[in-house]
């Protein structure tokens, strides 16, 4: 795991500026190394996803892009989001039909996502925390996993504390 970013940061107190900067710097470095272009609209889209630790729908991303002069046509957001997902800088949260920044860009992983029903915060939990248990279950069934997408709904610590 990239040590400067904490995948569960959404549910923990942390230096968000450091978190955001670390992931952006890592994405810029990985883009250069891979010979892919992190265009201004793609970078701004990633910044938008990193502003809060929650998943955003494409139209919410589009609204924010438009405010920064990147156009207001849906393909602008969809193309940028597709690029970010394809290159491992963002994840699609299927349950929410939304996107969240990858907190471990460049790391081969298939994380699970804890999604707070109350505030919408999304924490990316490293694959090894979940995949081992799934592999045991798959082995018992004689099943070979090719892809894992785990999305867990519940309530985050901040919302639990607020409700108490």
N, C-alpha and C. Protein backbone atom coordinates (compact mmCIF):
# COMPACT_ATOMS: atom_id res chain seq x y z
N UNK A 1 0.84 -1.18 0.00
CA UNK A 1 0.00 0.00 0.00
C UNK A 1 0.88 1.24 0.00
N UNK A 2 0.44 2.25 -0.70
CA UNK A 2 1.15 3.52 -0.73
C UNK A 2 1.03 4.15 0.65
N UNK A 3 2.13 4.30 1.34
CA UNK A 3 2.11 4.66 2.75
C UNK A 3 1.53 6.03 3.06
N UNK A 4 1.58 6.97 2.15
CA UNK A 4 1.12 8.32 2.46
C UNK A 4 -0.40 8.43 2.47
N UNK A 5 -1.09 7.46 1.91
CA UNK A 5 -2.56 7.54 1.91
C UNK A 5 -3.13 6.41 2.75
N UNK A 6 -4.18 6.72 3.46
CA UNK A 6 -4.84 5.75 4.31
C UNK A 6 -6.19 5.44 3.69
N UNK A 7 -6.41 4.22 3.20
CA UNK A 7 -7.65 3.93 2.50
C UNK A 7 -8.89 4.10 3.36
N UNK A 8 -8.79 3.98 4.66
CA UNK A 8 -9.95 4.13 5.53
C UNK A 8 -10.07 5.54 6.09
N UNK A 9 -9.39 6.50 5.46
CA UNK A 9 -9.34 7.88 5.97
C UNK A 9 -10.71 8.51 6.13
N UNK A 10 -11.68 8.08 5.37
CA UNK A 10 -13.02 8.68 5.46
C UNK A 10 -13.60 8.56 6.86
N UNK A 11 -13.21 7.56 7.60
CA UNK A 11 -13.78 7.32 8.92
C UNK A 11 -12.80 7.64 10.04
N UNK A 12 -11.68 8.26 9.73
CA UNK A 12 -10.68 8.58 10.74
C UNK A 12 -10.27 10.05 10.62
N UNK A 13 -9.87 10.62 11.73
CA UNK A 13 -9.33 11.97 11.71
C UNK A 13 -7.97 11.92 11.00
N UNK A 14 -7.76 12.82 10.07
CA UNK A 14 -6.50 12.84 9.34
C UNK A 14 -6.27 14.21 8.72
N UNK A 15 -5.07 14.44 8.23
CA UNK A 15 -4.73 15.67 7.54
C UNK A 15 -5.22 15.53 6.10
N UNK A 16 -6.40 16.09 5.82
CA UNK A 16 -7.01 15.88 4.51
C UNK A 16 -6.19 16.51 3.38
N UNK A 17 -5.56 17.63 3.63
CA UNK A 17 -4.72 18.26 2.60
C UNK A 17 -3.57 17.34 2.20
N UNK A 18 -2.95 16.70 3.19
CA UNK A 18 -1.87 15.75 2.93
C UNK A 18 -2.41 14.55 2.16
N UNK A 19 -3.58 14.08 2.56
CA UNK A 19 -4.24 12.94 1.92
C UNK A 19 -4.49 13.27 0.44
N UNK A 20 -5.12 14.41 0.19
CA UNK A 20 -5.44 14.84 -1.17
C UNK A 20 -4.17 15.00 -2.00
N UNK A 21 -3.20 15.71 -1.44
CA UNK A 21 -1.94 15.95 -2.16
C UNK A 21 -1.19 14.68 -2.47
N UNK A 22 -1.17 13.75 -1.53
CA UNK A 22 -0.47 12.49 -1.72
C UNK A 22 -1.06 11.69 -2.88
N UNK A 23 -2.39 11.59 -2.92
CA UNK A 23 -3.04 10.82 -3.99
C UNK A 23 -2.86 11.52 -5.33
N UNK A 24 -2.99 12.85 -5.38
CA UNK A 24 -2.80 13.59 -6.63
C UNK A 24 -1.37 13.45 -7.14
N UNK A 25 -0.40 13.58 -6.26
CA UNK A 25 1.01 13.43 -6.67
C UNK A 25 1.27 12.03 -7.20
N UNK A 26 0.71 11.03 -6.52
CA UNK A 26 0.89 9.64 -6.96
C UNK A 26 0.26 9.43 -8.34
N UNK A 27 -0.93 9.99 -8.55
CA UNK A 27 -1.61 9.86 -9.84
C UNK A 27 -0.81 10.55 -10.94
N UNK A 28 -0.27 11.72 -10.66
CA UNK A 28 0.56 12.43 -11.66
C UNK A 28 1.79 11.61 -12.02
N UNK A 29 2.46 11.06 -11.01
CA UNK A 29 3.65 10.24 -11.23
C UNK A 29 3.31 8.99 -12.05
N UNK A 30 2.26 8.30 -11.67
CA UNK A 30 1.86 7.08 -12.38
C UNK A 30 1.47 7.39 -13.82
N UNK A 31 0.81 8.51 -14.06
CA UNK A 31 0.44 8.90 -15.42
C UNK A 31 1.67 9.12 -16.27
N UNK A 32 2.64 9.87 -15.73
CA UNK A 32 3.89 10.11 -16.47
C UNK A 32 4.59 8.79 -16.77
N UNK A 33 4.70 7.93 -15.77
CA UNK A 33 5.40 6.64 -15.94
C UNK A 33 4.72 5.77 -16.98
N UNK A 34 3.37 5.83 -17.04
CA UNK A 34 2.62 4.99 -17.98
C UNK A 34 2.49 5.64 -19.35
N UNK A 35 2.91 6.89 -19.46
CA UNK A 35 2.80 7.59 -20.74
C UNK A 35 1.36 7.96 -21.10
N UNK A 36 0.53 8.18 -20.08
CA UNK A 36 -0.85 8.59 -20.32
C UNK A 36 -1.00 10.05 -19.89
N UNK A 37 -1.93 10.74 -20.50
CA UNK A 37 -2.09 12.17 -20.22
C UNK A 37 -3.11 12.42 -19.13
N UNK A 38 -2.66 13.07 -18.09
CA UNK A 38 -3.56 13.55 -17.04
C UNK A 38 -3.91 14.98 -17.46
N UNK A 39 -4.91 15.08 -18.32
CA UNK A 39 -5.33 16.38 -18.84
C UNK A 39 -5.90 17.23 -17.71
N UNK A 40 -6.04 18.53 -17.93
CA UNK A 40 -6.62 19.38 -16.88
C UNK A 40 -8.01 18.92 -16.43
N UNK A 41 -8.87 18.50 -17.34
CA UNK A 41 -10.21 18.05 -16.95
C UNK A 41 -10.15 16.74 -16.17
N UNK A 42 -9.25 15.85 -16.53
CA UNK A 42 -9.10 14.59 -15.79
C UNK A 42 -8.56 14.86 -14.38
N UNK A 43 -7.56 15.74 -14.30
CA UNK A 43 -6.98 16.06 -12.99
C UNK A 43 -8.01 16.76 -12.11
N UNK A 44 -8.76 17.70 -12.68
CA UNK A 44 -9.78 18.40 -11.89
C UNK A 44 -10.86 17.42 -11.42
N UNK A 45 -11.21 16.45 -12.27
CA UNK A 45 -12.20 15.44 -11.89
C UNK A 45 -11.69 14.63 -10.70
N UNK A 46 -10.42 14.25 -10.73
CA UNK A 46 -9.84 13.52 -9.60
C UNK A 46 -9.83 14.41 -8.35
N UNK A 47 -9.48 15.67 -8.51
CA UNK A 47 -9.50 16.59 -7.36
C UNK A 47 -10.90 16.67 -6.76
N UNK A 48 -11.92 16.73 -7.61
CA UNK A 48 -13.31 16.79 -7.14
C UNK A 48 -13.64 15.54 -6.34
N UNK A 49 -13.23 14.38 -6.84
CA UNK A 49 -13.51 13.12 -6.12
C UNK A 49 -12.76 13.08 -4.79
N UNK A 50 -11.63 13.76 -4.72
CA UNK A 50 -10.83 13.75 -3.50
C UNK A 50 -11.25 14.81 -2.49
N UNK A 51 -12.08 15.76 -2.90
CA UNK A 51 -12.48 16.84 -2.00
C UNK A 51 -13.16 16.31 -0.74
N UNK A 52 -13.94 15.27 -0.90
CA UNK A 52 -14.62 14.66 0.23
C UNK A 52 -14.45 13.15 0.09
N UNK A 53 -14.46 12.46 1.18
CA UNK A 53 -14.37 11.01 1.12
C UNK A 53 -15.78 10.44 0.98
N UNK A 54 -16.36 10.66 -0.21
CA UNK A 54 -17.67 10.08 -0.50
C UNK A 54 -17.76 9.90 -2.00
N UNK A 55 -18.70 9.07 -2.40
CA UNK A 55 -18.89 8.82 -3.83
C UNK A 55 -19.76 9.93 -4.43
N UNK A 56 -19.44 10.31 -5.65
CA UNK A 56 -20.19 11.34 -6.35
C UNK A 56 -20.72 10.78 -7.66
N UNK A 57 -21.94 11.16 -8.00
CA UNK A 57 -22.51 10.79 -9.28
C UNK A 57 -21.90 11.62 -10.39
N UNK A 58 -22.01 11.13 -11.60
CA UNK A 58 -21.42 11.81 -12.76
C UNK A 58 -21.98 13.22 -12.93
N UNK A 59 -23.26 13.41 -12.67
CA UNK A 59 -23.84 14.74 -12.85
C UNK A 59 -23.37 15.71 -11.78
N UNK A 60 -23.11 15.22 -10.59
CA UNK A 60 -22.56 16.08 -9.54
C UNK A 60 -21.14 16.50 -9.92
N UNK A 61 -20.36 15.57 -10.46
CA UNK A 61 -19.01 15.89 -10.94
C UNK A 61 -19.12 16.90 -12.09
N UNK A 62 -20.06 16.67 -13.00
CA UNK A 62 -20.24 17.57 -14.14
C UNK A 62 -20.55 19.00 -13.69
N UNK A 63 -21.44 19.15 -12.70
CA UNK A 63 -21.76 20.48 -12.17
C UNK A 63 -20.52 21.19 -11.67
N UNK A 64 -19.69 20.46 -10.94
CA UNK A 64 -18.47 21.07 -10.38
C UNK A 64 -17.46 21.38 -11.48
N UNK A 65 -17.38 20.51 -12.49
CA UNK A 65 -16.48 20.79 -13.62
C UNK A 65 -16.93 22.05 -14.35
N UNK A 66 -18.24 22.18 -14.57
CA UNK A 66 -18.78 23.34 -15.28
C UNK A 66 -18.46 24.63 -14.54
N UNK A 67 -18.52 24.60 -13.21
CA UNK A 67 -18.19 25.79 -12.41
C UNK A 67 -16.74 26.23 -12.61
N UNK A 68 -15.91 25.30 -13.03
CA UNK A 68 -14.49 25.60 -13.26
C UNK A 68 -14.18 25.76 -14.75
N UNK A 69 -15.22 25.90 -15.56
CA UNK A 69 -15.03 26.19 -16.97
C UNK A 69 -14.70 25.02 -17.86
N UNK A 70 -15.03 23.80 -17.45
CA UNK A 70 -14.71 22.63 -18.25
C UNK A 70 -15.87 22.13 -19.10
N UNK A 71 -16.92 22.90 -19.24
CA UNK A 71 -18.05 22.49 -20.07
C UNK A 71 -19.14 21.84 -19.24
N UNK A 72 -20.32 21.78 -19.85
CA UNK A 72 -21.47 21.27 -19.11
C UNK A 72 -22.16 20.10 -19.81
N UNK A 73 -21.51 19.53 -20.79
CA UNK A 73 -22.08 18.38 -21.50
C UNK A 73 -21.68 17.09 -20.79
N UNK A 74 -22.62 16.17 -20.58
CA UNK A 74 -22.31 14.93 -19.85
C UNK A 74 -21.07 14.17 -20.32
N UNK A 75 -20.79 14.12 -21.64
CA UNK A 75 -19.59 13.37 -22.04
C UNK A 75 -18.29 13.89 -21.40
N UNK A 76 -18.25 15.16 -21.03
CA UNK A 76 -17.05 15.72 -20.39
C UNK A 76 -16.76 14.95 -19.10
N UNK A 77 -17.77 14.81 -18.26
CA UNK A 77 -17.58 14.11 -16.98
C UNK A 77 -17.41 12.61 -17.21
N UNK A 78 -18.25 12.02 -18.05
CA UNK A 78 -18.18 10.58 -18.25
C UNK A 78 -16.83 10.13 -18.80
N UNK A 79 -16.28 10.88 -19.76
CA UNK A 79 -14.97 10.51 -20.32
C UNK A 79 -13.87 10.61 -19.26
N UNK A 80 -13.91 11.68 -18.48
CA UNK A 80 -12.89 11.85 -17.44
C UNK A 80 -13.01 10.75 -16.39
N UNK A 81 -14.23 10.44 -15.97
CA UNK A 81 -14.45 9.38 -14.97
C UNK A 81 -14.03 8.02 -15.52
N UNK A 82 -14.38 7.75 -16.78
CA UNK A 82 -13.96 6.49 -17.42
C UNK A 82 -12.45 6.35 -17.41
N UNK A 83 -11.76 7.41 -17.78
CA UNK A 83 -10.29 7.41 -17.79
C UNK A 83 -9.76 7.09 -16.39
N UNK A 84 -10.29 7.78 -15.38
CA UNK A 84 -9.81 7.59 -14.01
C UNK A 84 -10.05 6.16 -13.53
N UNK A 85 -11.19 5.59 -13.84
CA UNK A 85 -11.49 4.20 -13.46
C UNK A 85 -10.58 3.24 -14.22
N UNK A 86 -10.49 3.45 -15.53
CA UNK A 86 -9.67 2.56 -16.37
C UNK A 86 -8.22 2.49 -15.90
N UNK A 87 -7.69 3.61 -15.43
CA UNK A 87 -6.28 3.66 -15.05
C UNK A 87 -6.06 3.53 -13.54
N UNK A 88 -7.11 3.18 -12.80
CA UNK A 88 -6.96 2.88 -11.39
C UNK A 88 -6.88 4.09 -10.46
N UNK A 89 -7.35 5.24 -10.93
CA UNK A 89 -7.34 6.44 -10.09
C UNK A 89 -8.68 6.66 -9.39
N UNK A 90 -9.70 5.92 -9.80
CA UNK A 90 -11.03 6.03 -9.20
C UNK A 90 -11.70 4.66 -9.28
N UNK A 91 -12.74 4.50 -8.47
CA UNK A 91 -13.54 3.28 -8.48
C UNK A 91 -14.99 3.64 -8.76
N UNK A 92 -15.68 2.75 -9.44
CA UNK A 92 -17.12 2.93 -9.59
C UNK A 92 -17.80 2.18 -8.44
N UNK A 93 -18.64 2.88 -7.73
CA UNK A 93 -19.42 2.28 -6.65
C UNK A 93 -20.76 1.93 -7.27
N UNK A 94 -20.91 0.67 -7.64
CA UNK A 94 -22.08 0.25 -8.41
C UNK A 94 -23.40 0.49 -7.68
N UNK A 95 -23.43 0.20 -6.40
CA UNK A 95 -24.66 0.33 -5.61
C UNK A 95 -25.20 1.76 -5.67
N UNK A 96 -24.30 2.72 -5.71
CA UNK A 96 -24.69 4.12 -5.72
C UNK A 96 -24.68 4.74 -7.12
N UNK A 97 -24.23 3.97 -8.12
CA UNK A 97 -24.01 4.50 -9.47
C UNK A 97 -23.21 5.80 -9.37
N UNK A 98 -22.09 5.70 -8.65
CA UNK A 98 -21.28 6.87 -8.37
C UNK A 98 -19.80 6.47 -8.39
N UNK A 99 -18.95 7.46 -8.19
CA UNK A 99 -17.51 7.26 -8.29
C UNK A 99 -16.82 7.79 -7.05
N UNK A 100 -15.73 7.12 -6.66
CA UNK A 100 -14.92 7.56 -5.53
C UNK A 100 -13.46 7.48 -5.94
N UNK A 101 -12.67 8.41 -5.46
CA UNK A 101 -11.24 8.40 -5.75
C UNK A 101 -10.61 7.15 -5.15
N UNK A 102 -9.66 6.58 -5.86
CA UNK A 102 -8.90 5.45 -5.33
C UNK A 102 -7.86 6.01 -4.36
N UNK A 103 -7.83 5.49 -3.18
CA UNK A 103 -6.89 5.95 -2.18
C UNK A 103 -5.54 5.23 -2.26
N UNK A 104 -5.45 4.25 -3.18
CA UNK A 104 -4.21 3.48 -3.35
C UNK A 104 -3.84 3.39 -4.83
N UNK A 105 -3.76 4.51 -5.55
CA UNK A 105 -3.47 4.40 -6.98
C UNK A 105 -2.12 3.72 -7.23
N UNK A 106 -2.11 2.89 -8.23
CA UNK A 106 -0.89 2.17 -8.58
C UNK A 106 -0.73 0.84 -7.89
N UNK A 107 -1.56 0.57 -6.91
CA UNK A 107 -1.51 -0.70 -6.20
C UNK A 107 -2.53 -1.64 -6.81
N UNK A 108 -2.13 -2.86 -7.11
CA UNK A 108 -3.07 -3.85 -7.62
C UNK A 108 -3.96 -4.28 -6.45
N UNK A 109 -5.24 -3.99 -6.55
CA UNK A 109 -6.14 -4.32 -5.45
C UNK A 109 -7.58 -4.34 -5.94
N UNK A 110 -8.41 -4.98 -5.16
CA UNK A 110 -9.85 -5.02 -5.40
C UNK A 110 -10.51 -4.76 -4.06
N UNK A 111 -10.62 -3.50 -3.69
CA UNK A 111 -11.06 -3.18 -2.34
C UNK A 111 -12.55 -3.41 -2.10
N UNK A 112 -12.88 -3.43 -0.84
CA UNK A 112 -14.28 -3.40 -0.43
C UNK A 112 -14.57 -1.95 -0.03
N UNK A 113 -15.83 -1.57 -0.12
CA UNK A 113 -16.20 -0.20 0.23
C UNK A 113 -17.23 -0.22 1.35
N UNK A 114 -16.97 0.54 2.40
CA UNK A 114 -17.93 0.75 3.46
C UNK A 114 -18.59 2.09 3.17
N UNK A 115 -19.91 2.08 3.03
CA UNK A 115 -20.66 3.26 2.62
C UNK A 115 -21.63 3.63 3.74
N UNK A 116 -21.51 4.86 4.24
CA UNK A 116 -22.39 5.32 5.31
C UNK A 116 -23.73 5.75 4.72
N UNK A 117 -24.80 5.11 5.18
CA UNK A 117 -26.16 5.45 4.73
C UNK A 117 -26.54 6.87 5.13
N UNK A 118 -26.00 7.35 6.24
CA UNK A 118 -26.42 8.65 6.78
C UNK A 118 -25.75 9.83 6.08
N UNK A 119 -24.42 9.79 5.95
CA UNK A 119 -23.70 10.96 5.41
C UNK A 119 -23.09 10.72 4.03
N UNK A 120 -23.08 9.49 3.58
CA UNK A 120 -22.54 9.19 2.26
C UNK A 120 -21.03 9.00 2.21
N UNK A 121 -20.35 9.04 3.34
CA UNK A 121 -18.90 8.82 3.36
C UNK A 121 -18.60 7.42 2.84
N UNK A 122 -17.49 7.30 2.14
CA UNK A 122 -17.07 6.01 1.59
C UNK A 122 -15.63 5.76 2.01
N UNK A 123 -15.39 4.62 2.64
CA UNK A 123 -14.04 4.21 3.02
C UNK A 123 -13.66 3.02 2.16
N UNK A 124 -12.50 3.10 1.57
CA UNK A 124 -11.95 2.01 0.76
C UNK A 124 -11.14 1.12 1.68
N UNK A 125 -11.56 -0.12 1.83
CA UNK A 125 -10.89 -1.05 2.71
C UNK A 125 -10.00 -1.96 1.86
N UNK A 126 -8.73 -2.10 2.21
CA UNK A 126 -7.82 -2.91 1.39
C UNK A 126 -8.34 -4.32 1.14
N UNK A 127 -8.06 -4.81 -0.04
CA UNK A 127 -8.51 -6.13 -0.49
C UNK A 127 -8.16 -7.24 0.47
N UNK A 128 -6.96 -7.22 1.01
CA UNK A 128 -6.53 -8.35 1.84
C UNK A 128 -7.40 -8.52 3.06
N UNK A 129 -8.06 -7.45 3.49
CA UNK A 129 -8.94 -7.56 4.66
C UNK A 129 -10.20 -8.37 4.35
N UNK A 130 -10.57 -8.46 3.10
CA UNK A 130 -11.82 -9.11 2.72
C UNK A 130 -11.57 -10.33 1.83
N UNK A 131 -10.63 -10.21 0.92
CA UNK A 131 -10.43 -11.24 -0.09
C UNK A 131 -10.07 -12.61 0.51
N UNK A 132 -9.27 -12.63 1.57
CA UNK A 132 -8.89 -13.91 2.19
C UNK A 132 -10.12 -14.71 2.60
N UNK A 133 -11.07 -14.05 3.25
CA UNK A 133 -12.29 -14.73 3.68
C UNK A 133 -13.10 -15.21 2.48
N UNK A 134 -13.15 -14.41 1.44
CA UNK A 134 -13.89 -14.81 0.23
C UNK A 134 -13.22 -15.98 -0.48
N UNK A 135 -11.88 -16.00 -0.48
CA UNK A 135 -11.16 -17.10 -1.12
C UNK A 135 -11.40 -18.42 -0.38
N UNK A 136 -11.48 -18.37 0.94
CA UNK A 136 -11.77 -19.58 1.72
C UNK A 136 -13.16 -20.10 1.33
N UNK A 137 -14.14 -19.21 1.27
CA UNK A 137 -15.50 -19.61 0.89
C UNK A 137 -15.53 -20.13 -0.53
N UNK A 138 -14.82 -19.47 -1.44
CA UNK A 138 -14.78 -19.89 -2.84
C UNK A 138 -14.14 -21.28 -2.96
N UNK A 139 -13.04 -21.50 -2.24
CA UNK A 139 -12.36 -22.81 -2.27
C UNK A 139 -13.29 -23.92 -1.82
N UNK A 140 -14.07 -23.66 -0.77
CA UNK A 140 -15.02 -24.68 -0.28
C UNK A 140 -16.03 -25.05 -1.36
N UNK A 141 -16.37 -24.09 -2.21
CA UNK A 141 -17.34 -24.33 -3.28
C UNK A 141 -16.69 -24.80 -4.58
N UNK A 142 -15.37 -24.79 -4.62
CA UNK A 142 -14.68 -25.11 -5.86
C UNK A 142 -14.80 -23.98 -6.88
N UNK A 143 -14.97 -22.78 -6.40
CA UNK A 143 -15.20 -21.61 -7.24
C UNK A 143 -13.91 -20.81 -7.37
N UNK A 144 -13.61 -20.33 -8.57
CA UNK A 144 -12.43 -19.51 -8.79
C UNK A 144 -12.87 -18.07 -9.03
N UNK A 145 -12.45 -17.17 -8.15
CA UNK A 145 -12.83 -15.76 -8.28
C UNK A 145 -11.97 -15.07 -9.33
N UNK A 146 -12.59 -14.21 -10.12
CA UNK A 146 -11.84 -13.41 -11.07
C UNK A 146 -11.90 -11.93 -10.73
N UNK A 147 -12.96 -11.51 -10.08
CA UNK A 147 -13.09 -10.11 -9.70
C UNK A 147 -13.95 -10.02 -8.45
N UNK A 148 -13.60 -9.08 -7.59
CA UNK A 148 -14.34 -8.89 -6.35
C UNK A 148 -14.83 -7.45 -6.30
N UNK A 149 -16.09 -7.28 -5.95
CA UNK A 149 -16.65 -5.95 -5.76
C UNK A 149 -17.57 -6.04 -4.54
N UNK A 150 -17.06 -5.59 -3.39
CA UNK A 150 -17.83 -5.66 -2.16
C UNK A 150 -18.21 -4.25 -1.73
N UNK A 151 -19.49 -4.04 -1.51
CA UNK A 151 -19.99 -2.75 -1.05
C UNK A 151 -20.85 -3.00 0.18
N UNK A 152 -20.43 -2.46 1.30
CA UNK A 152 -21.09 -2.68 2.57
C UNK A 152 -21.77 -1.39 3.01
N UNK A 153 -23.08 -1.47 3.25
CA UNK A 153 -23.83 -0.30 3.72
C UNK A 153 -23.96 -0.34 5.23
N UNK A 154 -23.90 0.83 5.86
CA UNK A 154 -24.04 0.90 7.30
C UNK A 154 -23.90 2.33 7.77
N UNK A 155 -23.43 2.49 8.99
CA UNK A 155 -23.30 3.81 9.58
C UNK A 155 -21.87 4.02 10.05
N UNK A 156 -21.29 5.16 9.68
CA UNK A 156 -19.90 5.46 10.02
C UNK A 156 -19.78 5.90 11.48
N UNK A 157 -18.58 5.88 12.03
CA UNK A 157 -18.38 6.26 13.44
C UNK A 157 -18.90 7.66 13.77
N UNK A 158 -18.69 8.63 12.88
CA UNK A 158 -19.13 10.02 13.15
C UNK A 158 -20.65 10.09 13.26
N UNK A 159 -21.36 9.40 12.37
CA UNK A 159 -22.82 9.41 12.41
C UNK A 159 -23.37 8.63 13.62
N UNK A 160 -22.68 7.57 14.01
CA UNK A 160 -23.07 6.82 15.22
C UNK A 160 -22.94 7.73 16.42
N UNK A 161 -21.80 8.43 16.50
CA UNK A 161 -21.56 9.34 17.64
C UNK A 161 -22.57 10.47 17.66
N UNK A 162 -22.89 11.00 16.50
CA UNK A 162 -23.85 12.11 16.40
C UNK A 162 -25.24 11.67 16.83
N UNK A 163 -25.60 10.42 16.54
CA UNK A 163 -26.93 9.91 16.90
C UNK A 163 -27.05 9.57 18.38
N UNK A 164 -25.89 9.39 19.03
CA UNK A 164 -25.89 8.98 20.46
C UNK A 164 -26.25 10.11 21.39
